[in-house]
Amino acid sequence: IGIAVFRTVVGGAMDVETQLIELIFSTGAFVVAWSWVLVYYSVAHVLTGESPLAEQIGLGRRSQKDSLFVLLLPYLVVCAAVAVVSANLRLSPSRYAAVAVKAVEFFPSPVFNGVLLALLGRFSGGLQLCILNLAFSWVVAAAVHSLPTTGRAGAVGEIMRNTVGFGLGVAWNYLMSMAKPVLTHFIASTIYLGVMLLLAARLAAPEPRADHLMSRHAALLSFASRVVCAFTLSDWLSTAIGMPGWIGGVCCLLTLLLIAAFTSAILARADFAALAEHSRGRAEQKGWGEGLLGWLMFVPCVWCCCPWVPFLWLLGSSTPGVKDRWLNLTTDVCALAASIAGTNLITIGVDSLAAVSGICVVGACDAWAFVCLEVGVASLVSVSLIFLISEIRPPTALVLDAGPAEPFLGGAP
């Protein structure tokens, strides 16, 4: 349905249609992973004696009292298991293997998200501690990105690098939650979303460099910025649409589909080759003006009085291949945001089924029956989406080898 609407509205350029198919593929794989993450969170709640309906996206309040070792051990076990499963799936000739690989490799990131939120929750106490938590997350992520990428532990390290980048984005959102009263205002949230998207585009623009510590750190920041943009875009759409429940979730999904389609169409038709040539010529004659432009980017009032300055700064980052990197950025952000909306729909559906079936009523809930219900829903979602997505994506794109695992977000090195 999405592809049919896209062809009618946008025109159906082949390269843009490929991006839309990739968007649907990534969104479906992420939703499959999120459905099992909900099961993981529910089991964690039940084992600690909490209701599975309390803080369904997280490990629960009692986990904030656990030691760091107790919090990290399940996460490390998950990363090791995912590395093994992913390697075996990549050897499978099945056309469904590609969707399964993407879902499996994404699974540890929300798990680490729960660990990080439990760790940050015990230190909550104002802006200063939130900044310290962000700095701690940044140091941990940078340390993990400095680990070797070869050897037997290389596959596990690759999984961990993706998850800590995801966690850094979550830590930034945790810091910005201190400004929630301000960001609930639609204009303020729109400006914040624009700034984050602009920074993400700038971080994604440079050409990939040789594998060394600085390039890995740049990749970490680019990866985290995509996570921040996805969660911010999802929250912004929820505020803009203003309809809770099923209707609001479906509207978010359709809106994200249109955003991705139109953005990809604009990027696909832009002449970035001329901009890149101009950028290279200007770099050879870089003067004080361009340096001043870079400094003006960080002066808030400039965004109001001179709104063209951010766009000049962004165009200054045009390099060969930037079109493909920005198309990947669009796909990554919209796919992750759409998966968040899809996860909300799954949560609403499971809660409704639990209420209708009598598993959970006011003040009481059969915890293990609720977990079994979530397992059933996750199985149904997984089988349905993996089958449907594999039919949409061209078979040639599903050929896998036993080489190094690719990151679950297309733009992350």
Protein backbone atom coordinates (compact mmCIF):
# COMPACT_ATOMS: atom_id res chain seq x y z
CA ILE A 1 0.00 0.00 0.00
CA GLY A 2 2.82 2.38 0.91
CA ILE A 3 4.63 1.76 -2.38
CA ALA A 4 1.39 2.33 -4.34
CA VAL A 5 0.76 5.64 -2.56
CA PHE A 6 4.38 6.62 -3.11
CA ARG A 7 4.21 5.95 -6.86
CA THR A 8 1.04 8.01 -7.13
CA VAL A 9 2.19 11.01 -5.09
CA VAL A 10 5.92 11.21 -5.71
CA GLY A 11 6.29 9.73 -9.15
CA GLY A 12 8.17 6.49 -8.51
CA ALA A 13 11.77 7.23 -9.39
CA MET A 14 13.62 3.92 -9.17
CA ASP A 15 16.31 5.03 -6.73
CA VAL A 16 13.75 6.64 -4.43
CA GLU A 17 11.50 3.59 -4.60
CA THR A 18 14.46 1.49 -3.53
CA GLN A 19 14.90 3.74 -0.50
CA LEU A 20 11.22 3.32 0.37
CA ILE A 21 11.50 -0.46 0.15
CA GLU A 22 14.55 -0.28 2.41
CA LEU A 23 12.53 1.88 4.83
CA ILE A 24 9.74 -0.72 5.00
CA PHE A 25 12.31 -3.50 5.36
CA SER A 26 14.13 -1.77 8.24
CA THR A 27 10.92 -0.73 9.99
CA GLY A 28 9.53 -4.25 9.91
CA ALA A 29 12.78 -5.76 11.20
CA PHE A 30 12.94 -3.22 14.04
CA VAL A 31 9.31 -3.90 15.01
CA VAL A 32 10.06 -7.64 15.12
CA ALA A 33 12.96 -6.93 17.47
CA TRP A 34 10.92 -4.55 19.64
CA SER A 35 8.13 -7.15 20.02
CA TRP A 36 10.61 -9.57 21.64
CA VAL A 37 12.20 -6.77 23.66
CA LEU A 38 8.77 -6.23 25.25
CA VAL A 39 8.80 -9.91 26.22
CA TYR A 40 12.31 -9.50 27.70
CA TYR A 41 11.19 -6.49 29.73
CA SER A 42 8.07 -8.31 30.98
CA VAL A 43 10.10 -11.31 32.13
CA ALA A 44 12.50 -8.96 33.93
CA HIS A 45 9.53 -7.34 35.70
CA VAL A 46 8.05 -10.66 36.75
CA LEU A 47 11.37 -12.01 38.07
CA THR A 48 11.76 -8.93 40.28
CA GLY A 49 8.19 -9.16 41.57
CA GLU A 50 6.82 -6.14 39.66
CA SER A 51 3.74 -5.92 37.50
CA PRO A 52 4.53 -6.36 33.77
CA LEU A 53 2.26 -3.38 33.10
CA ALA A 54 4.52 -0.99 35.05
CA GLU A 55 7.01 0.84 32.84
CA GLN A 56 6.71 -1.61 29.96
CA ILE A 57 9.63 0.00 28.11
CA GLY A 58 12.29 -0.62 30.75
CA LEU A 59 13.53 -3.03 33.39
CA GLY A 60 11.42 -1.57 36.21
CA ARG A 61 12.16 0.52 39.27
CA ARG A 62 13.59 -2.32 41.35
CA SER A 63 16.37 -2.81 38.80
CA GLN A 64 17.72 0.62 39.83
CA LYS A 65 18.85 -0.99 43.10
CA ASP A 66 20.78 -3.81 41.38
CA SER A 67 24.54 -3.74 41.20
CA LEU A 68 26.30 -2.85 37.97
CA PHE A 69 27.37 -6.48 37.51
CA VAL A 70 23.79 -7.76 37.83
CA LEU A 71 22.63 -5.18 35.26
CA LEU A 72 25.41 -5.87 32.75
CA LEU A 73 25.55 -9.67 32.91
CA PRO A 74 22.27 -10.34 31.03
CA TYR A 75 23.22 -7.70 28.45
CA LEU A 76 26.61 -9.33 27.80
CA VAL A 77 24.98 -12.75 27.50
CA VAL A 78 22.49 -11.31 24.99
CA CYS A 79 25.31 -9.75 22.91
CA ALA A 80 27.22 -13.04 22.81
CA ALA A 81 24.10 -15.01 21.85
CA VAL A 82 23.18 -12.50 19.15
CA ALA A 83 26.69 -12.70 17.65
CA VAL A 84 26.38 -16.50 17.36
CA VAL A 85 22.82 -16.46 15.99
CA SER A 86 23.63 -13.70 13.51
CA ALA A 87 26.67 -15.58 12.17
CA ASN A 88 24.58 -18.72 11.64
CA LEU A 89 21.73 -16.82 9.98
CA ARG A 90 24.16 -15.23 7.54
CA LEU A 91 25.07 -18.71 6.32
CA SER A 92 21.43 -19.57 5.69
CA PRO A 93 20.25 -19.55 2.04
CA SER A 94 16.69 -18.68 3.11
CA ARG A 95 15.22 -15.46 1.73
CA TYR A 96 13.90 -14.72 5.21
CA ALA A 97 17.37 -14.67 6.73
CA ALA A 98 18.08 -11.00 5.95
CA VAL A 99 15.07 -9.77 7.94
CA ALA A 100 15.95 -12.09 10.81
CA VAL A 101 19.57 -10.87 10.86
CA LYS A 102 18.54 -7.22 11.02
CA ALA A 103 16.02 -7.91 13.78
CA VAL A 104 18.41 -10.05 15.80
CA GLU A 105 21.25 -7.51 15.60
CA PHE A 106 18.93 -4.70 16.70
CA PHE A 107 17.62 -6.64 19.72
CA PRO A 108 20.55 -5.89 22.12
CA SER A 109 20.19 -2.12 21.69
CA PRO A 110 16.86 -1.77 23.53
CA VAL A 111 18.22 -4.25 26.10
CA PHE A 112 21.17 -1.93 26.70
CA ASN A 113 18.69 0.93 26.72
CA GLY A 114 16.92 -0.69 29.68
CA VAL A 115 20.24 -1.23 31.48
CA LEU A 116 21.26 2.38 30.88
CA LEU A 117 17.91 3.79 32.06
CA ALA A 118 18.13 1.67 35.21
CA LEU A 119 21.64 2.99 35.84
CA LEU A 120 20.68 6.60 35.11
CA GLY A 121 17.51 6.34 37.16
CA ARG A 122 19.38 5.72 40.40
CA PHE A 123 21.35 8.95 39.91
CA SER A 124 18.46 11.17 38.86
CA GLY A 125 18.53 14.44 40.72
CA GLY A 126 18.77 17.50 38.55
CA LEU A 127 20.52 18.89 35.51
CA GLN A 128 24.04 18.43 36.89
CA LEU A 129 23.64 14.71 37.42
CA CYS A 130 22.00 14.32 34.01
CA ILE A 131 25.05 15.94 32.42
CA LEU A 132 27.32 13.61 34.40
CA ASN A 133 25.27 10.64 33.20
CA LEU A 134 25.64 11.79 29.59
CA ALA A 135 29.39 12.21 30.05
CA PHE A 136 29.62 8.73 31.61
CA SER A 137 27.67 7.22 28.69
CA TRP A 138 29.92 9.02 26.22
CA VAL A 139 33.08 7.71 27.90
CA VAL A 140 31.75 4.14 27.96
CA ALA A 141 30.67 4.34 24.30
CA ALA A 142 34.02 5.79 23.24
CA ALA A 143 35.87 3.08 25.18
CA VAL A 144 33.87 0.29 23.53
CA HIS A 145 34.48 1.84 20.10
CA SER A 146 38.22 1.73 20.73
CA LEU A 147 38.22 -2.06 21.18
CA PRO A 148 39.80 -4.22 18.45
CA THR A 149 37.52 -5.32 15.63
CA THR A 150 39.27 -8.57 14.75
CA GLY A 151 39.62 -11.93 16.41
CA ARG A 152 37.01 -14.20 17.96
CA ALA A 153 35.54 -11.40 20.05
CA GLY A 154 35.24 -9.09 17.02
CA ALA A 155 31.63 -10.07 16.26
CA VAL A 156 30.56 -9.51 19.87
CA GLY A 157 32.43 -6.20 19.89
CA GLU A 158 30.60 -5.09 16.75
CA ILE A 159 27.24 -5.80 18.39
CA MET A 160 28.31 -3.91 21.51
CA ARG A 161 29.50 -0.90 19.49
CA ASN A 162 26.05 -0.55 17.94
CA THR A 163 24.30 -0.85 21.30
CA VAL A 164 26.44 1.72 23.13
CA GLY A 165 25.88 4.18 20.29
CA PHE A 166 22.16 3.63 20.77
CA GLY A 167 22.66 4.15 24.52
CA LEU A 168 24.49 7.44 23.98
CA GLY A 169 21.49 8.73 22.06
CA VAL A 170 19.21 7.60 24.90
CA ALA A 171 21.45 9.38 27.44
CA TRP A 172 21.13 12.61 25.46
CA ASN A 173 17.34 12.23 25.39
CA TYR A 174 17.46 11.62 29.14
CA LEU A 175 19.31 14.92 29.56
CA MET A 176 16.84 16.77 27.34
CA SER A 177 13.95 15.36 29.39
CA MET A 178 14.94 17.97 31.98
CA ALA A 179 13.65 20.56 29.49
CA LYS A 180 10.39 18.66 28.93
CA PRO A 181 8.12 21.55 30.02
CA VAL A 182 9.75 23.73 27.34
CA LEU A 183 9.89 21.08 24.61
CA THR A 184 6.20 20.23 25.04
CA HIS A 185 5.51 23.55 23.35
CA PHE A 186 5.08 22.73 19.67
CA ILE A 187 7.21 25.58 18.32
CA ALA A 188 10.06 24.82 20.73
CA SER A 189 9.96 21.09 19.91
CA THR A 190 9.92 21.89 16.18
CA ILE A 191 13.04 24.07 16.49
CA TYR A 192 14.78 21.40 18.57
CA LEU A 193 13.92 18.73 15.98
CA GLY A 194 15.26 20.96 13.19
CA VAL A 195 18.54 21.51 15.04
CA MET A 196 19.00 17.78 15.70
CA LEU A 197 18.27 16.87 12.07
CA LEU A 198 20.72 19.51 10.87
CA LEU A 199 23.46 18.21 13.16
CA ALA A 200 22.78 14.62 12.11
CA ALA A 201 23.02 15.59 8.45
CA ARG A 202 26.30 17.40 9.06
CA LEU A 203 27.74 14.40 10.97
CA ALA A 204 26.68 12.03 8.19
CA ALA A 205 28.14 14.18 5.38
CA PRO A 206 31.93 13.47 5.56
CA GLU A 207 33.35 10.60 3.55
CA PRO A 208 34.21 7.44 5.52
CA ARG A 209 37.84 7.46 6.59
CA ALA A 210 40.35 4.77 7.40
CA ASP A 211 39.60 2.71 10.49
CA HIS A 212 41.24 4.48 13.43
CA LEU A 213 40.15 5.85 16.79
CA MET A 214 39.01 9.27 15.53
CA SER A 215 36.95 7.81 12.68
CA ARG A 216 35.26 5.40 15.10
CA HIS A 217 34.41 8.26 17.45
CA ALA A 218 32.95 10.25 14.53
CA ALA A 219 30.88 7.20 13.58
CA LEU A 220 29.70 6.93 17.19
CA LEU A 221 28.45 10.53 17.20
CA SER A 222 26.76 10.11 13.82
CA PHE A 223 25.08 6.91 15.01
CA ALA A 224 23.88 8.48 18.28
CA SER A 225 22.52 11.52 16.42
CA ARG A 226 20.29 9.25 14.32
CA VAL A 227 18.86 7.69 17.47
CA VAL A 228 18.19 11.14 18.96
CA CYS A 229 16.49 12.30 15.75
CA ALA A 230 14.31 9.18 15.57
CA PHE A 231 12.99 9.48 19.14
CA THR A 232 12.57 13.25 18.77
CA LEU A 233 10.71 12.87 15.48
CA SER A 234 8.41 10.25 17.01
CA ASP A 235 7.59 12.51 19.98
CA TRP A 236 7.11 15.51 17.68
CA LEU A 237 4.65 13.63 15.46
CA SER A 238 2.69 12.45 18.50
CA THR A 239 2.37 16.07 19.62
CA ALA A 240 1.51 17.30 16.12
CA ILE A 241 -1.13 14.63 15.44
CA GLY A 242 -2.58 14.82 18.95
CA MET A 243 -4.58 11.59 18.73
CA PRO A 244 -3.73 8.82 21.23
CA GLY A 245 -4.30 5.13 20.72
CA TRP A 246 -4.60 3.16 17.51
CA ILE A 247 -5.61 6.08 15.32
CA GLY A 248 -2.66 8.21 16.42
CA GLY A 249 -0.21 5.33 15.91
CA VAL A 250 -1.45 4.58 12.40
CA CYS A 251 -1.37 8.28 11.50
CA CYS A 252 2.25 8.47 12.72
CA LEU A 253 3.22 5.53 10.53
CA LEU A 254 1.58 7.01 7.43
CA THR A 255 3.08 10.43 8.09
CA LEU A 256 6.57 8.96 8.46
CA LEU A 257 6.07 7.11 5.18
CA LEU A 258 5.24 10.39 3.40
CA ILE A 259 8.12 12.25 5.10
CA ALA A 260 10.58 9.58 3.99
CA ALA A 261 9.17 9.52 0.45
CA PHE A 262 9.27 13.28 -0.13
CA THR A 263 12.65 13.74 1.54
CA SER A 264 14.16 10.94 -0.51
CA ALA A 265 12.64 12.37 -3.68
CA ILE A 266 14.16 15.80 -3.00
CA LEU A 267 17.57 14.33 -2.19
CA ALA A 268 17.52 12.02 -5.22
CA ARG A 269 16.89 14.93 -7.58
CA ALA A 270 19.39 17.36 -6.02
CA ASP A 271 22.66 18.04 -7.85
CA PHE A 272 25.13 17.32 -5.08
CA ALA A 273 27.97 16.79 -7.53
CA ALA A 274 28.05 20.52 -8.32
CA LEU A 275 27.86 21.36 -4.62
CA ALA A 276 30.72 18.98 -3.86
CA GLU A 277 32.86 20.54 -6.59
CA HIS A 278 32.11 24.00 -5.23
CA SER A 279 32.91 22.82 -1.70
CA ARG A 280 36.29 21.41 -2.78
CA GLY A 281 37.18 24.65 -4.55
CA ARG A 282 36.17 26.71 -1.54
CA ALA A 283 38.13 24.45 0.83
CA GLU A 284 41.30 25.30 -1.07
CA GLN A 285 40.64 29.00 -0.47
CA LYS A 286 39.20 28.77 3.03
CA GLY A 287 39.32 32.13 4.76
CA TRP A 288 38.10 33.82 7.90
CA GLY A 289 34.52 34.02 6.54
CA GLU A 290 33.92 30.28 6.61
CA GLY A 291 35.46 30.02 10.07
CA LEU A 292 33.14 32.79 11.27
CA LEU A 293 30.17 30.92 9.76
CA GLY A 294 31.10 27.83 11.77
CA TRP A 295 31.20 29.84 15.01
CA LEU A 296 27.90 31.62 14.22
CA MET A 297 26.23 28.21 14.05
CA PHE A 298 26.45 27.95 17.84
CA VAL A 299 24.89 31.37 18.56
CA PRO A 300 21.14 30.76 19.16
CA CYS A 301 19.94 34.21 18.09
CA VAL A 302 21.57 33.75 14.66
CA TRP A 303 19.07 31.01 13.91
CA CYS A 304 16.26 33.55 14.33
CA CYS A 305 17.69 36.61 12.59
CA CYS A 306 19.64 34.73 9.87
CA PRO A 307 17.87 31.40 9.25
CA TRP A 308 19.89 30.80 6.06
CA VAL A 309 23.16 30.43 8.04
CA PRO A 310 22.46 26.79 9.12
CA PHE A 311 21.75 25.82 5.52
CA LEU A 312 24.95 27.46 4.29
CA TRP A 313 26.82 25.56 7.00
CA LEU A 314 25.14 22.30 5.95
CA LEU A 315 25.84 22.82 2.24
CA GLY A 316 29.47 23.44 3.13
CA SER A 317 29.68 19.76 4.10
CA SER A 318 28.88 18.50 0.58
CA THR A 319 31.37 15.79 -0.36
CA PRO A 320 31.35 13.03 -3.00
CA GLY A 321 28.72 10.43 -2.11
CA VAL A 322 26.90 12.71 0.32
CA LYS A 323 23.58 12.05 -1.45
CA ASP A 324 23.71 8.33 -0.63
CA ARG A 325 24.72 9.05 2.96
CA TRP A 326 21.84 11.50 3.44
CA LEU A 327 19.42 9.03 1.84
CA ASN A 328 20.63 6.42 4.34
CA LEU A 329 20.19 8.97 7.13
CA THR A 330 16.59 9.58 6.05
CA THR A 331 15.88 5.85 5.94
CA ASP A 332 17.49 5.18 9.32
CA VAL A 333 15.72 7.98 11.18
CA CYS A 334 12.28 7.35 9.68
CA ALA A 335 12.57 3.56 10.06
CA LEU A 336 13.51 3.77 13.74
CA ALA A 337 10.82 6.39 14.41
CA ALA A 338 8.24 4.23 12.61
CA SER A 339 9.30 1.18 14.64
CA ILE A 340 8.70 3.19 17.84
CA ALA A 341 5.18 3.98 16.63
CA GLY A 342 4.69 0.32 15.70
CA THR A 343 5.88 -0.77 19.13
CA ASN A 344 3.34 1.54 20.74
CA LEU A 345 0.63 -0.14 18.66
CA ILE A 346 1.81 -3.58 19.82
CA THR A 347 1.78 -2.42 23.45
CA ILE A 348 -1.75 -1.05 23.09
CA GLY A 349 -2.88 -4.28 21.44
CA VAL A 350 -1.37 -6.54 24.10
CA ASP A 351 -2.81 -4.45 26.93
CA SER A 352 -6.25 -4.53 25.29
CA LEU A 353 -6.12 -8.30 24.80
CA ALA A 354 -5.03 -8.75 28.42
CA ALA A 355 -7.96 -6.64 29.63
CA VAL A 356 -10.53 -8.37 27.40
CA SER A 357 -9.32 -11.88 28.30
CA GLY A 358 -9.27 -11.07 32.03
CA ILE A 359 -5.54 -11.65 32.40
CA CYS A 360 -5.10 -8.14 33.75
CA VAL A 361 -7.86 -6.26 35.56
CA VAL A 362 -7.84 -3.19 37.76
CA GLY A 363 -5.42 -3.79 40.61
CA ALA A 364 -4.46 -7.36 39.63
CA CYS A 365 -2.57 -9.11 36.83
CA ASP A 366 -1.62 -12.73 36.17
CA ALA A 367 2.02 -11.97 35.38
CA TRP A 368 3.07 -15.21 33.67
CA ALA A 369 -0.16 -15.39 31.67
CA PHE A 370 0.59 -11.86 30.46
CA VAL A 371 4.12 -12.95 29.46
CA CYS A 372 2.67 -15.89 27.51
CA LEU A 373 0.28 -13.51 25.77
CA GLU A 374 3.20 -11.28 24.79
CA VAL A 375 5.13 -14.29 23.47
CA GLY A 376 2.14 -15.23 21.31
CA VAL A 377 1.78 -11.69 19.96
CA ALA A 378 5.54 -11.41 19.31
CA SER A 379 5.51 -14.74 17.45
CA LEU A 380 2.57 -13.65 15.31
CA VAL A 381 4.15 -10.28 14.56
CA SER A 382 7.50 -11.88 13.71
CA VAL A 383 6.12 -14.52 11.33
CA SER A 384 3.80 -12.05 9.60
CA LEU A 385 6.32 -9.24 9.13
CA ILE A 386 9.24 -11.46 8.13
CA PHE A 387 7.10 -13.15 5.46
CA LEU A 388 5.59 -9.92 4.12
CA ILE A 389 8.84 -7.93 4.09
CA SER A 390 10.71 -10.73 2.35
CA GLU A 391 8.10 -10.62 -0.41
CA ILE A 392 8.51 -6.84 -0.86
CA ARG A 393 12.29 -6.66 -0.96
CA PRO A 394 13.99 -7.91 -4.15
CA PRO A 395 15.53 -11.38 -3.71
CA THR A 396 18.90 -10.17 -5.00
CA ALA A 397 19.15 -7.83 -1.99
CA LEU A 398 18.73 -10.76 0.40
CA VAL A 399 21.88 -12.66 -0.52
CA LEU A 400 24.05 -12.89 2.57
CA ASP A 401 27.57 -14.09 3.14
CA ALA A 402 29.60 -15.05 6.16
CA GLY A 403 31.55 -11.82 6.22
CA PRO A 404 31.61 -9.24 9.00
CA ALA A 405 28.22 -8.22 10.32
CA GLU A 406 26.77 -5.01 8.94
CA PRO A 407 25.32 -2.53 11.44
CA PHE A 408 21.56 -2.58 11.85
CA LEU A 409 21.30 1.08 10.80
CA GLY A 410 22.35 1.53 7.22
CA GLY A 411 24.42 4.66 7.69
CA ALA A 412 26.59 3.55 10.59
CA PRO A 413 30.04 2.31 9.56
